[in-house]
PDB file of N, CA and C in Angstrom:
ATOM      1  N   MET A   1     169.015  85.699 180.139  1.00  0.00           N
ATOM      2  CA  MET A   1     169.037  85.875 178.731  1.00  0.00           C
ATOM      3  C   MET A   1     167.611  85.571 178.181  1.00  0.00           C
ATOM      4  N   SER A   2     167.196  86.218 177.222  1.00  0.00           N
ATOM      5  CA  SER A   2     165.734  86.158 176.694  1.00  0.00           C
ATOM      6  C   SER A   2     166.015  85.624 175.342  1.00  0.00           C
ATOM      7  N   THR A   3     165.063  84.636 174.913  1.00  0.00           N
ATOM      8  CA  THR A   3     165.025  84.269 173.489  1.00  0.00           C
ATOM      9  C   THR A   3     163.536  84.342 173.038  1.00  0.00           C
ATOM     10  N   SER A   4     163.274  84.400 171.619  1.00  0.00           N
ATOM     11  CA  SER A   4     162.127  84.592 171.176  1.00  0.00           C
ATOM     12  C   SER A   4     162.052  83.644 169.999  1.00  0.00           C
ATOM     13  N   GLU A   5     160.874  82.905 169.951  1.00  0.00           N
ATOM     14  CA  GLU A   5     160.689  82.083 168.727  1.00  0.00           C
ATOM     15  C   GLU A   5     159.189  81.926 168.461  1.00  0.00           C
ATOM     16  N   LEU A   6     158.795  81.399 167.292  1.00  0.00           N
ATOM     17  CA  LEU A   6     157.454  81.058 167.001  1.00  0.00           C
ATOM     18  C   LEU A   6     157.306  79.734 167.531  1.00  0.00           C
ATOM     19  N   TRP A   7     156.142  79.444 168.279  1.00  0.00           N
ATOM     20  CA  TRP A   7     155.811  78.264 168.866  1.00  0.00           C
ATOM     21  C   TRP A   7     154.441  77.921 168.662  1.00  0.00           C
ATOM     22  N   SER A   8     154.250  76.525 168.454  1.00  0.00           N
ATOM     23  CA  SER A   8     152.861  76.154 168.439  1.00  0.00           C
ATOM     24  C   SER A   8     152.860  74.593 168.721  1.00  0.00           C
ATOM     25  N   THR A   9     151.497  74.107 168.924  1.00  0.00           N
ATOM     26  CA  THR A   9     151.505  72.691 169.078  1.00  0.00           C
ATOM     27  C   THR A   9     150.383  72.176 168.028  1.00  0.00           C
ATOM     28  N   ARG A  10     150.052  70.976 168.071  1.00  0.00           N
ATOM     29  CA  ARG A  10     149.178  70.334 167.005  1.00  0.00           C
ATOM     30  C   ARG A  10     147.887  71.121 167.122  1.00  0.00           C
ATOM     31  N   THR A  11     147.443  71.455 168.207  1.00  0.00           N
ATOM     32  CA  THR A  11     146.228  71.875 168.469  1.00  0.00           C
ATOM     33  C   THR A  11     146.090  73.456 168.525  1.00  0.00           C
ATOM     34  N   THR A  12     147.355  74.072 168.664  1.00  0.00           N
ATOM     35  CA  THR A  12     147.039  75.639 168.833  1.00  0.00           C
ATOM     36  C   THR A  12     147.643  76.356 167.645  1.00  0.00           C
ATOM     37  N   ALA A  13     147.286  77.592 167.583  1.00  0.00           N
ATOM     38  CA  ALA A  13     147.723  78.470 166.526  1.00  0.00           C
ATOM     39  C   ALA A  13     149.279  78.940 166.767  1.00  0.00           C
ATOM     40  N   PRO A  14     149.954  79.270 165.739  1.00  0.00           N
ATOM     41  CA  PRO A  14     151.361  79.708 166.103  1.00  0.00           C
ATOM     42  C   PRO A  14     151.422  80.967 166.860  1.00  0.00           C
ATOM     43  N   SER A  15     152.046  81.041 167.835  1.00  0.00           N
ATOM     44  CA  SER A  15     152.271  82.269 168.760  1.00  0.00           C
ATOM     45  C   SER A  15     153.640  82.499 169.013  1.00  0.00           C
ATOM     46  N   VAL A  16     154.024  83.867 169.244  1.00  0.00           N
ATOM     47  CA  VAL A  16     155.218  84.189 169.512  1.00  0.00           C
ATOM     48  C   VAL A  16     155.537  84.085 171.008  1.00  0.00           C
ATOM     49  N   CYS A  17     156.565  83.333 171.389  1.00  0.00           N
ATOM     50  CA  CYS A  17     156.826  82.988 172.725  1.00  0.00           C
ATOM     51  C   CYS A  17     158.242  83.636 173.061  1.00  0.00           C
ATOM     52  N   THR A  18     158.371  84.447 174.074  1.00  0.00           N
ATOM     53  CA  THR A  18     159.588  84.817 174.639  1.00  0.00           C
ATOM     54  C   THR A  18     159.937  84.268 175.933  1.00  0.00           C
ATOM     55  N   THR A  19     161.082  83.624 176.116  1.00  0.00           N
ATOM     56  CA  THR A  19     161.394  83.005 177.470  1.00  0.00           C
ATOM     57  C   THR A  19     162.457  83.696 178.122  1.00  0.00           C
ATOM     58  N   GLN A  20     162.444  83.769 179.418  1.00  0.00           N
ATOM     59  CA  GLN A  20     163.642  84.287 180.256  1.00  0.00           C
ATOM     60  C   GLN A  20     163.826  83.392 181.357  1.00  0.00           C
ATOM     61  N   GLY A  21     165.192  82.858 181.677  1.00  0.00           N
ATOM     62  CA  GLY A  21     165.609  81.899 182.501  1.00  0.00           C
ATOM     63  C   GLY A  21     165.296  80.631 181.849  1.00  0.00           C
ATOM     64  N   ALA A  22     165.437  79.544 182.878  1.00  0.00           N
ATOM     65  CA  ALA A  22     165.240  78.254 182.549  1.00  0.00           C
ATOM     66  C   ALA A  22     163.757  77.811 182.456  1.00  0.00           C
ATOM     67  N   VAL A  23     163.416  77.577 181.422  1.00  0.00           N
ATOM     68  CA  VAL A  23     161.832  77.402 181.107  1.00  0.00           C
ATOM     69  C   VAL A  23     161.781  75.989 180.294  1.00  0.00           C
ATOM     70  N   ASP A  24     161.092  74.942 180.809  1.00  0.00           N
ATOM     71  CA  ASP A  24     160.961  73.701 180.296  1.00  0.00           C
ATOM     72  C   ASP A  24     159.871  73.820 179.094  1.00  0.00           C
ATOM     73  N   PRO A  25     160.338  73.302 177.944  1.00  0.00           N
ATOM     74  CA  PRO A  25     159.366  73.284 176.746  1.00  0.00           C
ATOM     75  C   PRO A  25     157.950  72.708 177.033  1.00  0.00           C
ATOM     76  N   VAL A  26     157.918  71.800 178.008  1.00  0.00           N
ATOM     77  CA  VAL A  26     156.650  71.181 178.258  1.00  0.00           C
ATOM     78  C   VAL A  26     155.747  72.273 179.003  1.00  0.00           C
ATOM     79  N   GLN A  27     156.393  73.167 179.799  1.00  0.00           N
ATOM     80  CA  GLN A  27     155.663  74.147 180.367  1.00  0.00           C
ATOM     81  C   GLN A  27     155.230  75.013 179.357  1.00  0.00           C
ATOM     82  N   ILE A  28     156.007  75.468 178.445  1.00  0.00           N
ATOM     83  CA  ILE A  28     155.583  76.416 177.348  1.00  0.00           C
ATOM     84  C   ILE A  28     154.333  75.946 176.639  1.00  0.00           C
ATOM     85  N   THR A  29     154.365  74.496 176.280  1.00  0.00           N
ATOM     86  CA  THR A  29     153.299  73.915 175.654  1.00  0.00           C
ATOM     87  C   THR A  29     151.983  73.983 176.443  1.00  0.00           C
ATOM     88  N   ARG A  30     152.153  73.629 177.749  1.00  0.00           N
ATOM     89  CA  ARG A  30     150.960  73.936 178.805  1.00  0.00           C
ATOM     90  C   ARG A  30     150.263  75.141 178.789  1.00  0.00           C
ATOM     91  N   ALA A  31     151.335  76.162 178.798  1.00  0.00           N
ATOM     92  CA  ALA A  31     150.724  77.578 178.825  1.00  0.00           C
ATOM     93  C   ALA A  31     150.123  77.902 177.421  1.00  0.00           C
ATOM     94  N   LEU A  32     150.621  77.622 176.511  1.00  0.00           N
ATOM     95  CA  LEU A  32     150.132  77.931 175.074  1.00  0.00           C
ATOM     96  C   LEU A  32     148.720  77.283 174.938  1.00  0.00           C
ATOM     97  N   ARG A  33     148.591  75.906 175.501  1.00  0.00           N
ATOM     98  CA  ARG A  33     147.316  75.242 175.188  1.00  0.00           C
ATOM     99  C   ARG A  33     146.131  75.919 176.124  1.00  0.00           C
ATOM    100  N   GLY A  34     146.619  76.257 177.281  1.00  0.00           N
ATOM    101  CA  GLY A  34     145.711  76.970 178.324  1.00  0.00           C
ATOM    102  C   GLY A  34     145.210  78.355 177.754  1.00  0.00           C
ATOM    103  N   ILE A  35     146.111  79.166 177.192  1.00  0.00           N
ATOM    104  CA  ILE A  35     145.854  80.295 176.652  1.00  0.00           C
ATOM    105  C   ILE A  35     144.924  80.064 175.393  1.00  0.00           C
ATOM    106  N   ASP A  36     145.233  79.252 174.493  1.00  0.00           N
ATOM    107  CA  ASP A  36     144.445  78.976 173.285  1.00  0.00           C
ATOM    108  C   ASP A  36     143.180  78.688 173.671  1.00  0.00           C
ATOM    109  N   ARG A  37     142.943  77.654 174.749  1.00  0.00           N
ATOM    110  CA  ARG A  37     141.648  77.275 175.015  1.00  0.00           C
ATOM    111  C   ARG A  37     140.722  78.522 175.583  1.00  0.00           C
ATOM    112  N   ALA A  38     141.510  79.404 176.264  1.00  0.00           N
ATOM    113  CA  ALA A  38     140.596  80.519 176.895  1.00  0.00           C
ATOM    114  C   ALA A  38     140.277  81.434 175.768  1.00  0.00           C
ATOM    115  N   LEU A  39     141.236  81.668 174.710  1.00  0.00           N
ATOM    116  CA  LEU A  39     140.803  82.432 173.709  1.00  0.00           C
ATOM    117  C   LEU A  39     139.697  82.007 172.817  1.00  0.00           C
ATOM    118  N   ARG A  40     139.737  80.680 172.547  1.00  0.00           N
ATOM    119  CA  ARG A  40     138.813  80.111 171.759  1.00  0.00           C
ATOM    120  C   ARG A  40     137.421  80.139 172.530  1.00  0.00           C
ATOM    121  N   CYS A  41     137.447  79.923 173.719  1.00  0.00           N
ATOM    122  CA  CYS A  41     136.218  80.005 174.643  1.00  0.00           C
ATOM    123  C   CYS A  41     135.480  81.442 174.438  1.00  0.00           C
ATOM    124  N   HIS A  42     136.310  82.541 174.245  1.00  0.00           N
ATOM    125  CA  HIS A  42     135.760  83.695 174.035  1.00  0.00           C
ATOM    126  C   HIS A  42     135.687  84.349 172.530  1.00  0.00           C
ATOM    127  N   HIS A  43     135.925  83.263 171.685  1.00  0.00           N
ATOM    128  CA  HIS A  43     135.873  83.533 170.207  1.00  0.00           C
ATOM    129  C   HIS A  43     136.820  84.465 169.681  1.00  0.00           C
ATOM    130  N   VAL A  44     138.080  84.337 170.439  1.00  0.00           N
ATOM    131  CA  VAL A  44     139.053  85.283 169.789  1.00  0.00           C
ATOM    132  C   VAL A  44     140.045  84.393 168.932  1.00  0.00           C
ATOM    133  N   GLY A  45     140.137  84.947 167.636  1.00  0.00           N
ATOM    134  CA  GLY A  45     140.908  84.242 166.511  1.00  0.00           C
ATOM    135  C   GLY A  45     142.456  84.778 166.546  1.00  0.00           C
ATOM    136  N   ALA A  46     142.722  85.813 167.379  1.00  0.00           N
ATOM    137  CA  ALA A  46     144.094  86.362 167.121  1.00  0.00           C
ATOM    138  C   ALA A  46     145.081  85.685 167.965  1.00  0.00           C
ATOM    139  N   PRO A  47     146.189  85.547 167.391  1.00  0.00           N
ATOM    140  CA  PRO A  47     147.385  84.738 167.995  1.00  0.00           C
ATOM    141  C   PRO A  47     147.907  85.540 169.450  1.00  0.00           C
ATOM    142  N   ALA A  48     148.346  84.976 170.337  1.00  0.00           N
ATOM    143  CA  ALA A  48     148.657  85.629 171.573  1.00  0.00           C
ATOM    144  C   ALA A  48     150.303  85.724 171.398  1.00  0.00           C
ATOM    145  N   ARG A  49     150.735  86.700 172.135  1.00  0.00           N
ATOM    146  CA  ARG A  49     152.198  86.744 172.454  1.00  0.00           C
ATOM    147  C   ARG A  49     152.373  86.378 173.871  1.00  0.00           C
ATOM    148  N   LEU A  50     153.233  85.410 173.991  1.00  0.00           N
ATOM    149  CA  LEU A  50     153.531  84.808 175.408  1.00  0.00           C
ATOM    150  C   LEU A  50     154.822  84.854 175.773  1.00  0.00           C
ATOM    151  N   ARG A  51     154.887  85.264 177.103  1.00  0.00           N
ATOM    152  CA  ARG A  51     156.362  85.478 177.686  1.00  0.00           C
ATOM    153  C   ARG A  51     156.294  84.450 179.003  1.00  0.00           C
ATOM    154  N   CYS A  52     157.233  83.675 178.966  1.00  0.00           N
ATOM    155  CA  CYS A  52     157.427  82.702 180.023  1.00  0.00           C
ATOM    156  C   CYS A  52     158.665  82.945 180.777  1.00  0.00           C
ATOM    157  N   THR A  53     158.586  83.262 182.253  1.00  0.00           N
ATOM    158  CA  THR A  53     159.730  83.459 182.968  1.00  0.00           C
ATOM    159  C   THR A  53     160.042  82.301 183.920  1.00  0.00           C
ATOM    160  N   GLY A  54     161.197  81.602 183.847  1.00  0.00           N
ATOM    161  CA  GLY A  54     161.661  80.497 184.482  1.00  0.00           C
ATOM    162  C   GLY A  54     161.507  80.889 186.176  1.00  0.00           C
ATOM    163  N   PRO A  55     161.359  79.832 186.928  1.00  0.00           N
ATOM    164  CA  PRO A  55     161.321  79.990 188.422  1.00  0.00           C
ATOM    165  C   PRO A  55     162.546  80.544 188.946  1.00  0.00           C
ATOM    166  N   GLN A  56     162.564  81.298 190.029  1.00  0.00           N
ATOM    167  CA  GLN A  56     163.673  81.788 190.816  1.00  0.00           C
ATOM    168  C   GLN A  56     164.403  80.625 191.605  1.00  0.00           C
ATOM    169  N   CYS A  57     163.628  79.562 191.991  1.00  0.00           N
ATOM    170  CA  CYS A  57     164.329  78.248 192.582  1.00  0.00           C
ATOM    171  C   CYS A  57     164.019  77.148 191.803  1.00  0.00           C
ATOM    172  N   LEU A  58     164.560  76.027 192.162  1.00  0.00           N
ATOM    173  CA  LEU A  58     164.489  74.726 191.270  1.00  0.00           C
ATOM    174  C   LEU A  58     162.910  74.279 191.181  1.00  0.00           C
ATOM    175  N   ASP A  59     162.204  74.282 192.481  1.00  0.00           N
ATOM    176  CA  ASP A  59     160.917  73.825 192.430  1.00  0.00           C
ATOM    177  C   ASP A  59     159.835  74.995 192.335  1.00  0.00           C
ATOM    178  N   GLY A  60     160.243  76.221 192.074  1.00  0.00           N
ATOM    179  CA  GLY A  60     159.361  77.278 192.044  1.00  0.00           C
ATOM    180  C   GLY A  60     158.557  77.315 190.854  1.00  0.00           C
ATOM    181  N   PRO A  61     157.382  78.159 190.844  1.00  0.00           N
ATOM    182  CA  PRO A  61     156.459  78.261 189.793  1.00  0.00           C
ATOM    183  C   PRO A  61     156.999  79.098 188.598  1.00  0.00           C
ATOM    184  N   MET A  62     156.506  78.763 187.342  1.00  0.00           N
ATOM    185  CA  MET A  62     156.887  79.761 186.254  1.00  0.00           C
ATOM    186  C   MET A  62     155.761  80.746 185.960  1.00  0.00           C
ATOM    187  N   LEU A  63     156.190  81.875 185.486  1.00  0.00           N
ATOM    188  CA  LEU A  63     155.195  82.977 185.399  1.00  0.00           C
ATOM    189  C   LEU A  63     154.971  82.939 183.886  1.00  0.00           C
ATOM    190  N   ALA A  64     153.691  82.870 183.502  1.00  0.00           N
ATOM    191  CA  ALA A  64     153.271  83.044 182.142  1.00  0.00           C
ATOM    192  C   ALA A  64     152.399  84.150 181.864  1.00  0.00           C
ATOM    193  N   GLN A  65     152.871  84.918 180.902  1.00  0.00           N
ATOM    194  CA  GLN A  65     152.007  86.159 180.561  1.00  0.00           C
ATOM    195  C   GLN A  65     151.733  86.290 178.986  1.00  0.00           C
ATOM    196  N   ALA A  66     150.411  86.486 178.752  1.00  0.00           N
ATOM    197  CA  ALA A  66     149.895  86.386 177.432  1.00  0.00           C
ATOM    198  C   ALA A  66     149.462  87.719 177.094  1.00  0.00           C
ATOM    199  N   ASN A  67     149.661  88.269 175.886  1.00  0.00           N
ATOM    200  CA  ASN A  67     149.148  89.579 175.477  1.00  0.00           C
ATOM    201  C   ASN A  67     148.498  89.343 174.099  1.00  0.00           C
ATOM    202  N   VAL A  68     147.259  89.851 173.917  1.00  0.00           N
ATOM    203  CA  VAL A  68     146.573  89.699 172.662  1.00  0.00           C
ATOM    204  C   VAL A  68     145.526  90.892 172.346  1.00  0.00           C
ATOM    205  N   ALA A  69     145.545  91.265 171.086  1.00  0.00           N
ATOM    206  CA  ALA A  69     144.725  92.196 170.656  1.00  0.00           C
ATOM    207  C   ALA A  69     143.179  91.695 170.597  1.00  0.00           C
ATOM    208  N   PHE A  70     142.306  92.337 171.228  1.00  0.00           N
ATOM    209  CA  PHE A  70     140.962  91.977 171.055  1.00  0.00           C
ATOM    210  C   PHE A  70     140.066  93.127 170.958  1.00  0.00           C
ATOM    211  N   GLN A  71     139.383  93.126 169.916  1.00  0.00           N
ATOM    212  CA  GLN A  71     138.549  94.330 169.529  1.00  0.00           C
ATOM    213  C   GLN A  71     139.234  95.619 169.801  1.00  0.00           C
ATOM    214  N   GLY A  72     140.359  95.848 169.260  1.00  0.00           N
ATOM    215  CA  GLY A  72     141.037  96.978 169.301  1.00  0.00           C
ATOM    216  C   GLY A  72     141.705  97.395 170.549  1.00  0.00           C
ATOM    217  N   ALA A  73     141.575  96.570 171.589  1.00  0.00           N
ATOM    218  CA  ALA A  73     142.249  96.894 172.881  1.00  0.00           C
ATOM    219  C   ALA A  73     143.350  95.642 173.125  1.00  0.00           C
ATOM    220  N   ALA A  74     144.381  96.084 173.900  1.00  0.00           N
ATOM    221  CA  ALA A  74     145.346  95.162 174.308  1.00  0.00           C
ATOM    222  C   ALA A  74     144.789  94.558 175.562  1.00  0.00           C
ATOM    223  N   VAL A  75     144.789  93.091 175.582  1.00  0.00           N
ATOM    224  CA  VAL A  75     144.483  92.504 176.798  1.00  0.00           C
ATOM    225  C   VAL A  75     145.666  91.491 177.192  1.00  0.00           C
ATOM    226  N   ARG A  76     145.804  91.627 178.585  1.00  0.00           N
ATOM    227  CA  ARG A  76     146.957  90.890 179.293  1.00  0.00           C
ATOM    228  C   ARG A  76     146.383  89.926 180.420  1.00  0.00           C
ATOM    229  N   VAL A  77     146.909  88.645 180.287  1.00  0.00           N
ATOM    230  CA  VAL A  77     146.588  87.533 181.338  1.00  0.00           C
ATOM    231  C   VAL A  77     147.885  87.254 181.793  1.00  0.00           C
ATOM    232  N   GLN A  78     147.845  87.057 183.090  1.00  0.00           N
ATOM    233  CA  GLN A  78     149.043  86.558 183.757  1.00  0.00           C
ATOM    234  C   GLN A  78     148.818  85.364 184.803  1.00  0.00           C
ATOM    235  N   VAL A  79     149.489  84.402 184.706  1.00  0.00           N
ATOM    236  CA  VAL A  79     149.313  83.237 185.596  1.00  0.00           C
ATOM    237  C   VAL A  79     150.714  82.571 185.918  1.00  0.00           C
ATOM    238  N   ARG A  80     150.602  81.902 187.187  1.00  0.00           N
ATOM    239  CA  ARG A  80     151.762  81.175 187.766  1.00  0.00           C
ATOM    240  C   ARG A  80     151.535  79.551 187.554  1.00  0.00           C
ATOM    241  N   ILE A  81     152.470  79.064 186.768  1.00  0.00           N
ATOM    242  CA  ILE A  81     152.273  77.621 186.631  1.00  0.00           C
ATOM    243  C   ILE A  81     153.234  76.787 187.354  1.00  0.00           C
ATOM    244  N   GLY A  82     152.773  75.878 188.280  1.00  0.00           N
ATOM    245  CA  GLY A  82     153.581  75.118 189.161  1.00  0.00           C
ATOM    246  C   GLY A  82     154.114  73.901 188.328  1.00  0.00           C
ATOM    247  N   ARG A  83     155.181  73.460 188.616  1.00  0.00           N
ATOM    248  CA  ARG A  83     155.849  72.283 188.041  1.00  0.00           C
ATOM    249  C   ARG A  83     155.220  71.003 188.569  1.00  0.00           C
ATOM    250  N   PRO A  84     154.917  70.088 187.621  1.00  0.00           N
ATOM    251  CA  PRO A  84     154.198  68.819 188.110  1.00  0.00           C
ATOM    252  C   PRO A  84     154.802  68.160 189.147  1.00  0.00           C
ATOM    253  N   GLY A  85     154.164  67.827 190.225  1.00  0.00           N
ATOM    254  CA  GLY A  85     154.788  67.187 191.292  1.00  0.00           C
ATOM    255  C   GLY A  85     155.625  68.096 192.426  1.00  0.00           C
ATOM    256  N   ALA A  86     155.475  69.367 192.150  1.00  0.00           N
ATOM    257  CA  ALA A  86     156.156  70.338 193.034  1.00  0.00           C
ATOM    258  C   ALA A  86     155.018  71.022 193.904  1.00  0.00           C
ATOM    259  N   GLU A  87     155.372  71.199 195.144  1.00  0.00           N
ATOM    260  CA  GLU A  87     154.524  71.854 195.976  1.00  0.00           C
ATOM    261  C   GLU A  87     154.616  73.462 195.769  1.00  0.00           C
ATOM    262  N   VAL A  88     153.470  74.191 195.547  1.00  0.00           N
ATOM    263  CA  VAL A  88     153.576  75.660 195.322  1.00  0.00           C
ATOM    264  C   VAL A  88     152.958  76.234 196.658  1.00  0.00           C
ATOM    265  N   ALA A  89     153.785  77.205 197.290  1.00  0.00           N
ATOM    266  CA  ALA A  89     153.283  77.787 198.504  1.00  0.00           C
ATOM    267  C   ALA A  89     152.140  78.700 198.014  1.00  0.00           C
ATOM    268  N   ARG A  90     151.144  78.687 198.980  1.00  0.00           N
ATOM    269  CA  ARG A  90     149.810  79.479 198.642  1.00  0.00           C
ATOM    270  C   ARG A  90     149.819  80.533 199.804  1.00  0.00           C
ATOM    271  N   SER A  91     149.449  81.787 199.379  1.00  0.00           N
ATOM    272  CA  SER A  91     149.440  82.902 200.335  1.00  0.00           C
ATOM    273  C   SER A  91     148.122  83.210 200.651  1.00  0.00           C
TER     274      SER A  91
END
């Protein structure tokens, strides 16, 4: 099941976040802060649309995907975020 809501932290601009599966709100906050830092670093003032997909297994990583319009082009960034204290398999 997917849900969509406006999400922000004290330090980030409001962004639309869609979640799928079991996603911890702490992980959403971490993803938003990371995306916001990257956008500010590149002087992008547009809010991001964020999609977070919960892990397939209990200790698996969450997938975070951000979409933003930048100078008339759609830009997408996708990262895996491991749970704190969990080992993430590296390939």
